[in-house]
Amino acid sequence: MNAPSTTPTSADQAGQQEEEILFRARRHKRLRVCIRSTDAGDSYSRVTGLADPAAHGTISSELSRAQAEMFDDEVFETLRSEAKNTTTLNTRSSTDQISVDAVPGQEVVFEMVDTEDVYQEQMNSSVKVSTHANLLAALLRLGMLKIYRTRSQNPSSALGAQPSQKELLTPIIAYLHYQAFCRQLYEILGGFQQTMKRAGMSLEVSKNTGGVTGGLDWEAFLGDDASLTADGQRQSNLKGNVEVLFEQRPFCTILVTVDAHLTIIFSQTMFHSQDIAQLPVFLGQQLRSQVLSLLVDNLKAVPEPVRYHVDEIAGVIKTRPTKVDIGFTLDNPPHLVAQSSRILPVGEGSETAFIVSDERIVKERYTDATGVPFVAWAMERLL
């Protein structure tokens, strides 16, 4: 019986050759995005293409992973360069980490993490993976591909030691500002929406944004025709608008653009503000005017003619029996407040038709306990 041959076959030789290949300069690190929020904790982007460290990969798979690591490393170094040259941002950096205070209550951390560590964390579900962080990581890598494309079309742009354009970090921060601003806007509108609902009136809020992310213009971000600012820098476009209906009638359109610039368009006026803190007061005033108009429409619909006077600035409507004062308290959420007073006729011969009595009949603050819709309550006192 012949002894088994110990001569290595071609397959054995190929396996031995694979085992002998080493990537000595390889760092085994990948880019990960962490969003640190004061109210929601930490959430991370998922790192794809990882493999079990205990398993032996083929040359092709290892080359693919090494290529992904090199690509992420270039993204990270581009981010570091941009953060260093952007004086308007509060950034901190170390060898493998860049932290940016993006918006109040939120910090974004770009980190190069060991592939073995992050593989174990993702397998054990010991870190929270969020869609928001995944989106930011994807946008960074797509932005880097855009830089590659620009370099290939204009080879001279690749000669400089530092990139002059702000193409990775700046659009990400602008997007985070936009998202934070829109969250505040929707919270304010939501408070007024609940107030109107409790008072038996409708306030419909319809969001219309420039993309599935809530306002990111994908074509401008990824395309070659992105607009340029006055200083020649590339700019990603953010856009969105909010349509608001009061009792099925157009109330206003709120336009939000890049850097959270706000414009509110009403039928007879327009409001510009870069400070969202002014928005609740202004919307409260305009809603009060709409409530007064709604009451006037109801008075006009009464079969018998009704004599009335409206002072929209003061938020007052008067008929012969009573006066109703309307206002908003800007609590959280806001409340609609109404007060009715009895109006007594003056004696004969007086030029003044009405005089307001000091006697207060009722003062109501609308809460969930109020069972009567506001319009019915006010009309009962005005007629």
Protein backbone atom coordinates (compact mmCIF):
# COMPACT_ATOMS: atom_id res chain seq x y z
CA MET A 1 0.00 0.00 0.00
CA ASN A 2 1.46 3.27 -1.10
CA ALA A 3 2.01 5.97 1.51
CA PRO A 4 0.13 9.24 0.99
CA SER A 5 2.06 11.78 -0.96
CA THR A 6 3.48 14.70 1.01
CA THR A 7 4.08 16.74 -2.10
CA PRO A 8 2.00 19.93 -1.77
CA THR A 9 -0.67 20.32 -4.38
CA SER A 10 -1.32 23.55 -6.22
CA ALA A 11 -4.32 24.21 -3.95
CA ASP A 12 -2.15 23.72 -0.82
CA GLN A 13 0.47 26.05 -2.24
CA ALA A 14 -2.17 28.70 -2.91
CA GLY A 15 -3.42 28.41 0.67
CA GLN A 16 0.09 28.71 2.04
CA GLN A 17 0.70 31.76 -0.11
CA GLU A 18 -2.52 33.39 1.21
CA GLU A 19 -1.45 32.77 4.81
CA GLU A 20 1.95 34.36 4.19
CA ILE A 21 0.55 37.68 2.84
CA LEU A 22 0.70 40.39 5.49
CA PHE A 23 -0.64 43.96 5.49
CA ARG A 24 1.96 45.52 7.74
CA ALA A 25 0.80 49.15 7.34
CA ARG A 26 -2.84 48.30 7.94
CA ARG A 27 -4.40 49.98 11.00
CA HIS A 28 -7.58 47.84 11.17
CA LYS A 29 -9.70 50.93 11.91
CA ARG A 30 -12.99 52.16 10.43
CA LEU A 31 -14.90 55.43 10.64
CA ARG A 32 -17.92 55.56 12.93
CA VAL A 33 -20.26 58.47 13.72
CA CYS A 34 -21.60 58.95 17.24
CA ILE A 35 -24.44 61.38 18.04
CA ARG A 36 -24.43 62.39 21.71
CA SER A 37 -27.68 63.98 22.82
CA THR A 38 -28.51 65.28 26.28
CA ASP A 39 -32.03 63.86 26.11
CA ALA A 40 -31.60 60.70 24.00
CA GLY A 41 -28.13 59.40 24.96
CA ASP A 42 -25.53 58.12 22.50
CA SER A 43 -26.32 56.51 19.15
CA TYR A 44 -23.90 55.19 16.54
CA SER A 45 -23.65 54.47 12.84
CA ARG A 46 -23.31 50.83 11.80
CA VAL A 47 -19.95 49.86 10.33
CA THR A 48 -20.48 47.48 7.41
CA GLY A 49 -18.15 44.95 5.80
CA LEU A 50 -16.67 43.67 9.06
CA ALA A 51 -15.65 40.04 9.57
CA ASP A 52 -15.19 37.77 12.55
CA PRO A 53 -11.59 38.34 13.73
CA ALA A 54 -11.26 34.62 14.46
CA ALA A 55 -12.10 33.68 10.87
CA HIS A 56 -9.45 33.62 8.13
CA GLY A 57 -10.51 35.60 5.07
CA THR A 58 -9.41 35.21 1.49
CA ILE A 59 -6.97 37.59 -0.16
CA SER A 60 -9.85 39.22 -2.06
CA SER A 61 -11.92 39.84 1.08
CA GLU A 62 -8.96 41.15 3.04
CA LEU A 63 -8.00 43.50 0.21
CA SER A 64 -11.58 44.77 0.10
CA ARG A 65 -11.59 45.45 3.86
CA ALA A 66 -8.18 47.10 3.71
CA GLN A 67 -9.44 49.35 0.92
CA ALA A 68 -12.49 50.35 3.01
CA GLU A 69 -10.20 51.16 5.94
CA MET A 70 -7.97 53.35 3.77
CA PHE A 71 -11.01 55.15 2.34
CA ASP A 72 -12.41 55.82 5.83
CA ASP A 73 -9.01 57.05 6.95
CA GLU A 74 -8.96 59.60 4.13
CA VAL A 75 -12.48 60.74 5.01
CA PHE A 76 -11.38 61.19 8.63
CA GLU A 77 -8.26 63.18 7.69
CA THR A 78 -10.32 65.42 5.38
CA LEU A 79 -12.73 66.04 8.25
CA ARG A 80 -9.82 66.86 10.56
CA SER A 81 -8.39 69.36 8.08
CA GLU A 82 -11.77 71.04 7.60
CA ALA A 83 -12.48 71.18 11.34
CA LYS A 84 -9.06 72.72 11.96
CA ASN A 85 -9.68 75.47 9.39
CA THR A 86 -13.28 76.23 10.41
CA THR A 87 -13.07 78.83 13.16
CA THR A 88 -16.84 79.18 13.58
CA LEU A 89 -17.23 75.67 15.00
CA ASN A 90 -16.34 74.46 18.49
CA THR A 91 -14.28 71.36 17.70
CA ARG A 92 -11.91 69.10 19.63
CA SER A 93 -9.69 66.46 18.05
CA SER A 94 -7.28 63.73 18.99
CA THR A 95 -5.48 61.02 17.03
CA ASP A 96 -8.62 59.03 16.28
CA GLN A 97 -11.48 61.31 17.29
CA ILE A 98 -13.07 64.61 16.23
CA SER A 99 -15.82 66.12 18.35
CA VAL A 100 -18.09 68.93 17.13
CA ASP A 101 -20.69 70.85 19.16
CA ALA A 102 -23.19 70.85 16.33
CA VAL A 103 -26.35 72.26 17.90
CA PRO A 104 -27.42 72.98 21.51
CA GLY A 105 -27.77 69.72 23.41
CA GLN A 106 -26.14 67.65 20.67
CA GLU A 107 -22.53 66.67 19.98
CA VAL A 108 -21.33 64.77 16.91
CA VAL A 109 -18.22 62.59 17.23
CA PHE A 110 -16.33 61.18 14.24
CA GLU A 111 -14.08 58.35 15.43
CA MET A 112 -11.74 55.77 13.96
CA VAL A 113 -12.49 52.56 15.88
CA ASP A 114 -10.78 49.14 15.92
CA THR A 115 -12.57 46.75 13.60
CA GLU A 116 -12.38 43.89 16.13
CA ASP A 117 -13.92 46.00 18.92
CA VAL A 118 -16.75 47.40 16.81
CA TYR A 119 -17.50 43.93 15.38
CA GLN A 120 -18.02 42.56 18.88
CA GLU A 121 -20.12 45.57 19.92
CA GLN A 122 -22.42 45.22 16.92
CA MET A 123 -22.70 41.44 17.33
CA ASN A 124 -23.58 41.83 21.03
CA SER A 125 -25.88 44.83 20.38
CA SER A 126 -24.06 46.67 23.15
CA VAL A 127 -24.31 50.02 21.32
CA LYS A 128 -27.40 51.80 20.02
CA VAL A 129 -27.41 52.07 16.22
CA SER A 130 -29.54 54.90 14.82
CA THR A 131 -30.78 55.75 11.34
CA HIS A 132 -29.72 59.37 11.88
CA ALA A 133 -26.10 58.40 12.57
CA ASN A 134 -26.15 55.97 9.62
CA LEU A 135 -27.31 58.82 7.38
CA LEU A 136 -24.49 61.12 8.49
CA ALA A 137 -21.89 58.39 7.89
CA ALA A 138 -23.32 57.71 4.42
CA LEU A 139 -23.29 61.41 3.53
CA LEU A 140 -19.64 61.68 4.56
CA ARG A 141 -18.62 58.82 2.30
CA LEU A 142 -20.74 60.11 -0.58
CA GLY A 143 -19.17 63.53 -0.10
CA MET A 144 -15.71 61.95 -0.33
CA LEU A 145 -16.68 60.26 -3.60
CA LYS A 146 -17.80 63.65 -4.84
CA ILE A 147 -14.35 65.06 -4.00
CA TYR A 148 -12.75 62.17 -5.95
CA ARG A 149 -14.94 62.98 -8.94
CA THR A 150 -14.02 66.68 -8.77
CA ARG A 151 -10.31 65.78 -8.59
CA SER A 152 -10.55 63.50 -11.61
CA GLN A 153 -12.26 66.24 -13.63
CA ASN A 154 -9.78 68.89 -12.47
CA PRO A 155 -6.40 67.26 -11.68
CA SER A 156 -4.87 70.58 -10.63
CA SER A 157 -7.20 70.67 -7.59
CA ALA A 158 -5.43 67.63 -6.15
CA LEU A 159 -2.02 69.32 -6.08
CA GLY A 160 -2.63 71.44 -2.97
CA ALA A 161 -1.54 70.07 0.39
CA GLN A 162 -4.82 71.08 2.06
CA PRO A 163 -8.28 71.04 0.44
CA SER A 164 -9.53 74.61 0.01
CA GLN A 165 -13.20 73.65 -0.29
CA LYS A 166 -15.45 72.77 2.64
CA GLU A 167 -17.26 69.74 1.29
CA LEU A 168 -17.65 67.24 4.13
CA LEU A 169 -18.16 68.82 7.53
CA THR A 170 -19.88 72.07 6.51
CA PRO A 171 -22.89 70.41 4.77
CA ILE A 172 -23.29 67.98 7.69
CA ILE A 173 -23.39 70.83 10.24
CA ALA A 174 -25.80 72.83 8.08
CA TYR A 175 -28.08 69.78 7.90
CA LEU A 176 -27.98 69.30 11.69
CA HIS A 177 -28.80 72.99 12.22
CA TYR A 178 -31.73 72.67 9.84
CA GLN A 179 -33.06 69.56 11.56
CA ALA A 180 -32.79 71.10 15.04
CA PHE A 181 -34.52 74.27 13.85
CA CYS A 182 -37.35 72.30 12.25
CA ARG A 183 -37.85 70.27 15.45
CA GLN A 184 -38.31 73.51 17.40
CA LEU A 185 -40.66 74.85 14.75
CA TYR A 186 -42.86 71.73 14.82
CA GLU A 187 -42.95 71.77 18.63
CA ILE A 188 -44.21 75.37 18.61
CA LEU A 189 -46.81 74.64 15.93
CA GLY A 190 -47.83 71.47 17.77
CA GLY A 191 -48.55 73.47 20.93
CA PHE A 192 -50.87 75.86 19.09
CA GLN A 193 -52.43 72.90 17.26
CA GLN A 194 -53.39 71.26 20.56
CA THR A 195 -54.74 74.57 21.89
CA MET A 196 -57.04 74.97 18.91
CA LYS A 197 -58.17 71.35 19.20
CA ARG A 198 -59.14 71.77 22.87
CA ALA A 199 -61.09 74.90 21.96
CA GLY A 200 -63.01 73.02 19.25
CA MET A 201 -61.14 74.54 16.29
CA SER A 202 -58.75 72.99 13.79
CA LEU A 203 -55.17 73.97 12.98
CA GLU A 204 -53.65 71.73 10.33
CA VAL A 205 -49.88 71.59 9.89
CA SER A 206 -48.55 70.12 6.64
CA LYS A 207 -44.79 69.62 6.21
CA ASN A 208 -43.26 69.80 2.76
CA THR A 209 -39.51 69.20 2.64
CA GLY A 210 -36.85 68.82 -0.01
CA GLY A 211 -36.09 65.13 0.57
CA VAL A 212 -36.67 62.04 2.69
CA THR A 213 -34.21 63.35 5.28
CA GLY A 214 -36.39 66.30 6.16
CA GLY A 215 -34.96 68.99 3.94
CA LEU A 216 -31.68 67.86 2.40
CA ASP A 217 -31.49 68.60 -1.31
CA TRP A 218 -29.81 65.37 -2.48
CA GLU A 219 -29.19 66.54 -6.04
CA ALA A 220 -27.38 69.68 -4.87
CA PHE A 221 -25.40 67.72 -2.30
CA LEU A 222 -24.23 64.95 -4.62
CA GLY A 223 -24.40 66.56 -8.05
CA ASP A 224 -21.87 68.62 -9.96
CA ASP A 225 -24.01 71.77 -10.19
CA ALA A 226 -24.10 72.72 -6.51
CA SER A 227 -24.51 76.46 -6.02
CA LEU A 228 -21.61 78.63 -4.96
CA THR A 229 -21.59 81.27 -2.25
CA ALA A 230 -20.21 84.78 -2.71
CA ASP A 231 -16.70 83.65 -1.76
CA GLY A 232 -16.73 80.80 -4.27
CA GLN A 233 -17.29 77.99 -1.73
CA ARG A 234 -19.55 75.10 -2.62
CA GLN A 235 -22.88 75.16 -0.80
CA SER A 236 -25.46 72.43 -0.24
CA ASN A 237 -29.06 73.57 -0.44
CA LEU A 238 -31.49 72.97 2.38
CA LYS A 239 -35.09 73.87 1.88
CA GLY A 240 -38.51 73.19 3.28
CA ASN A 241 -41.85 74.78 3.94
CA VAL A 242 -44.77 74.27 6.31
CA GLU A 243 -48.34 74.98 5.23
CA VAL A 244 -50.74 75.89 8.05
CA LEU A 245 -54.54 75.86 7.71
CA PHE A 246 -56.92 77.37 10.27
CA GLU A 247 -60.47 76.02 10.05
CA GLN A 248 -59.78 74.75 6.52
CA ARG A 249 -58.63 78.22 5.43
CA PRO A 250 -55.03 79.08 4.48
CA PHE A 251 -53.37 80.66 7.50
CA CYS A 252 -49.70 80.98 6.58
CA THR A 253 -46.74 79.40 4.81
CA ILE A 254 -43.50 79.07 6.77
CA LEU A 255 -40.38 78.88 4.62
CA VAL A 256 -37.15 77.53 6.09
CA THR A 257 -33.88 77.75 4.14
CA VAL A 258 -30.20 77.06 4.67
CA ASP A 259 -28.80 78.20 8.05
CA ALA A 260 -32.36 78.14 9.44
CA HIS A 261 -33.53 81.43 7.92
CA LEU A 262 -37.25 81.81 8.54
CA THR A 263 -39.92 83.60 6.51
CA ILE A 264 -43.63 83.46 7.37
CA ILE A 265 -46.03 84.53 4.63
CA PHE A 266 -49.55 85.56 5.67
CA SER A 267 -52.29 86.88 3.42
CA GLN A 268 -51.58 90.52 4.31
CA THR A 269 -48.20 90.52 6.01
CA MET A 270 -44.81 88.82 6.03
CA PHE A 271 -42.50 88.02 8.93
CA HIS A 272 -38.71 87.64 8.69
CA SER A 273 -36.69 86.36 11.61
CA GLN A 274 -33.48 84.49 12.29
CA ASP A 275 -34.48 84.01 15.91
CA ILE A 276 -37.10 81.34 16.40
CA ALA A 277 -37.73 82.66 19.93
CA GLN A 278 -39.89 85.40 18.37
CA LEU A 279 -42.08 82.91 16.56
CA PRO A 280 -44.54 81.90 19.35
CA VAL A 281 -45.52 85.51 20.12
CA PHE A 282 -46.00 86.39 16.47
CA LEU A 283 -48.04 83.26 15.69
CA GLY A 284 -50.14 83.84 18.83
CA GLN A 285 -51.01 87.35 17.65
CA GLN A 286 -51.93 86.16 14.16
CA LEU A 287 -54.02 83.26 15.48
CA ARG A 288 -55.92 85.63 17.77
CA SER A 289 -56.75 87.74 14.71
CA GLN A 290 -58.00 84.62 12.92
CA VAL A 291 -60.23 83.69 15.86
CA LEU A 292 -61.73 87.19 15.80
CA SER A 293 -62.38 86.85 12.06
CA LEU A 294 -64.07 83.50 12.68
CA LEU A 295 -66.40 85.09 15.26
CA VAL A 296 -67.20 87.93 12.86
CA ASP A 297 -68.14 85.41 10.16
CA ASN A 298 -70.50 83.75 12.62
CA LEU A 299 -72.04 87.11 13.59
CA LYS A 300 -72.62 87.92 9.93
CA ALA A 301 -74.44 84.60 9.52
CA VAL A 302 -76.98 85.41 12.27
CA PRO A 303 -80.47 85.92 10.76
CA GLU A 304 -81.04 89.16 12.67
CA PRO A 305 -78.50 91.95 11.97
CA VAL A 306 -76.01 92.32 14.81
CA ARG A 307 -74.14 95.50 15.56
CA TYR A 308 -70.51 94.74 16.41
CA HIS A 309 -67.09 96.34 16.59
CA VAL A 310 -63.75 94.57 16.26
CA ASP A 311 -60.39 95.85 17.49
CA GLU A 312 -57.94 93.27 16.15
CA ILE A 313 -54.93 94.97 17.72
CA ALA A 314 -56.45 94.76 21.20
CA GLY A 315 -58.06 91.39 20.53
CA VAL A 316 -61.57 92.65 21.40
CA ILE A 317 -64.98 92.15 19.77
CA LYS A 318 -68.06 94.02 21.02
CA THR A 319 -71.80 93.67 20.50
CA ARG A 320 -74.57 95.46 22.38
CA PRO A 321 -74.76 93.05 25.35
CA THR A 322 -71.12 92.09 25.91
CA LYS A 323 -67.45 92.47 25.12
CA VAL A 324 -65.13 89.48 24.60
CA ASP A 325 -61.35 89.81 25.04
CA ILE A 326 -59.21 87.11 23.39
CA GLY A 327 -55.55 86.33 23.96
CA PHE A 328 -52.94 83.59 24.19
CA THR A 329 -50.72 82.57 27.07
CA LEU A 330 -47.44 81.17 25.77
CA ASP A 331 -47.13 78.36 28.26
CA ASN A 332 -46.01 74.90 27.26
CA PRO A 333 -48.33 74.20 25.54
CA PRO A 334 -49.96 77.59 24.80
CA HIS A 335 -53.49 78.30 26.03
CA LEU A 336 -56.30 80.31 24.52
CA VAL A 337 -57.67 82.76 27.09
CA ALA A 338 -61.02 84.59 26.78
CA GLN A 339 -62.81 87.00 29.08
CA SER A 340 -66.32 88.43 28.63
CA SER A 341 -67.62 91.62 30.25
CA ARG A 342 -71.13 93.05 30.38
CA ILE A 343 -71.71 96.30 28.53
CA LEU A 344 -74.40 98.54 29.98
CA PRO A 345 -76.22 101.16 27.91
CA VAL A 346 -75.73 104.79 28.96
CA GLY A 347 -78.60 107.04 29.86
CA GLU A 348 -80.61 108.90 27.28
CA GLY A 349 -78.99 111.91 25.67
CA SER A 350 -75.42 110.62 25.99
CA GLU A 351 -73.24 110.66 22.90
CA THR A 352 -71.55 107.44 23.97
CA ALA A 353 -73.48 104.39 22.92
CA PHE A 354 -71.90 101.90 25.34
CA ILE A 355 -70.09 101.84 28.64
CA VAL A 356 -68.16 98.87 30.00
CA SER A 357 -69.27 97.75 33.43
CA ASP A 358 -66.70 96.84 36.07
CA GLU A 359 -68.66 93.66 36.73
CA ARG A 360 -66.87 90.64 35.26
CA ILE A 361 -69.19 87.83 34.27
CA VAL A 362 -66.77 85.03 33.50
CA LYS A 363 -63.11 84.37 32.81
CA GLU A 364 -62.19 81.11 31.12
CA ARG A 365 -58.82 79.54 30.40
CA TYR A 366 -59.11 76.72 27.90
CA THR A 367 -57.96 73.35 29.21
CA ASP A 368 -59.04 69.76 28.64
CA ALA A 369 -61.78 70.28 31.25
CA THR A 370 -63.56 72.87 29.10
CA GLY A 371 -66.53 71.13 27.57
CA VAL A 372 -67.92 73.95 25.38
CA PRO A 373 -66.21 74.74 22.06
CA PHE A 374 -64.78 78.23 22.06
CA VAL A 375 -66.85 79.66 19.20
CA ALA A 376 -70.13 78.48 20.77
CA TRP A 377 -69.08 79.89 24.15
CA ALA A 378 -68.17 83.30 22.69
CA MET A 379 -71.26 83.57 20.47
CA GLU A 380 -73.49 82.82 23.44
CA ARG A 381 -72.11 85.89 25.22
CA LEU A 382 -72.01 88.17 22.18
CA LEU A 383 -75.63 87.64 21.13
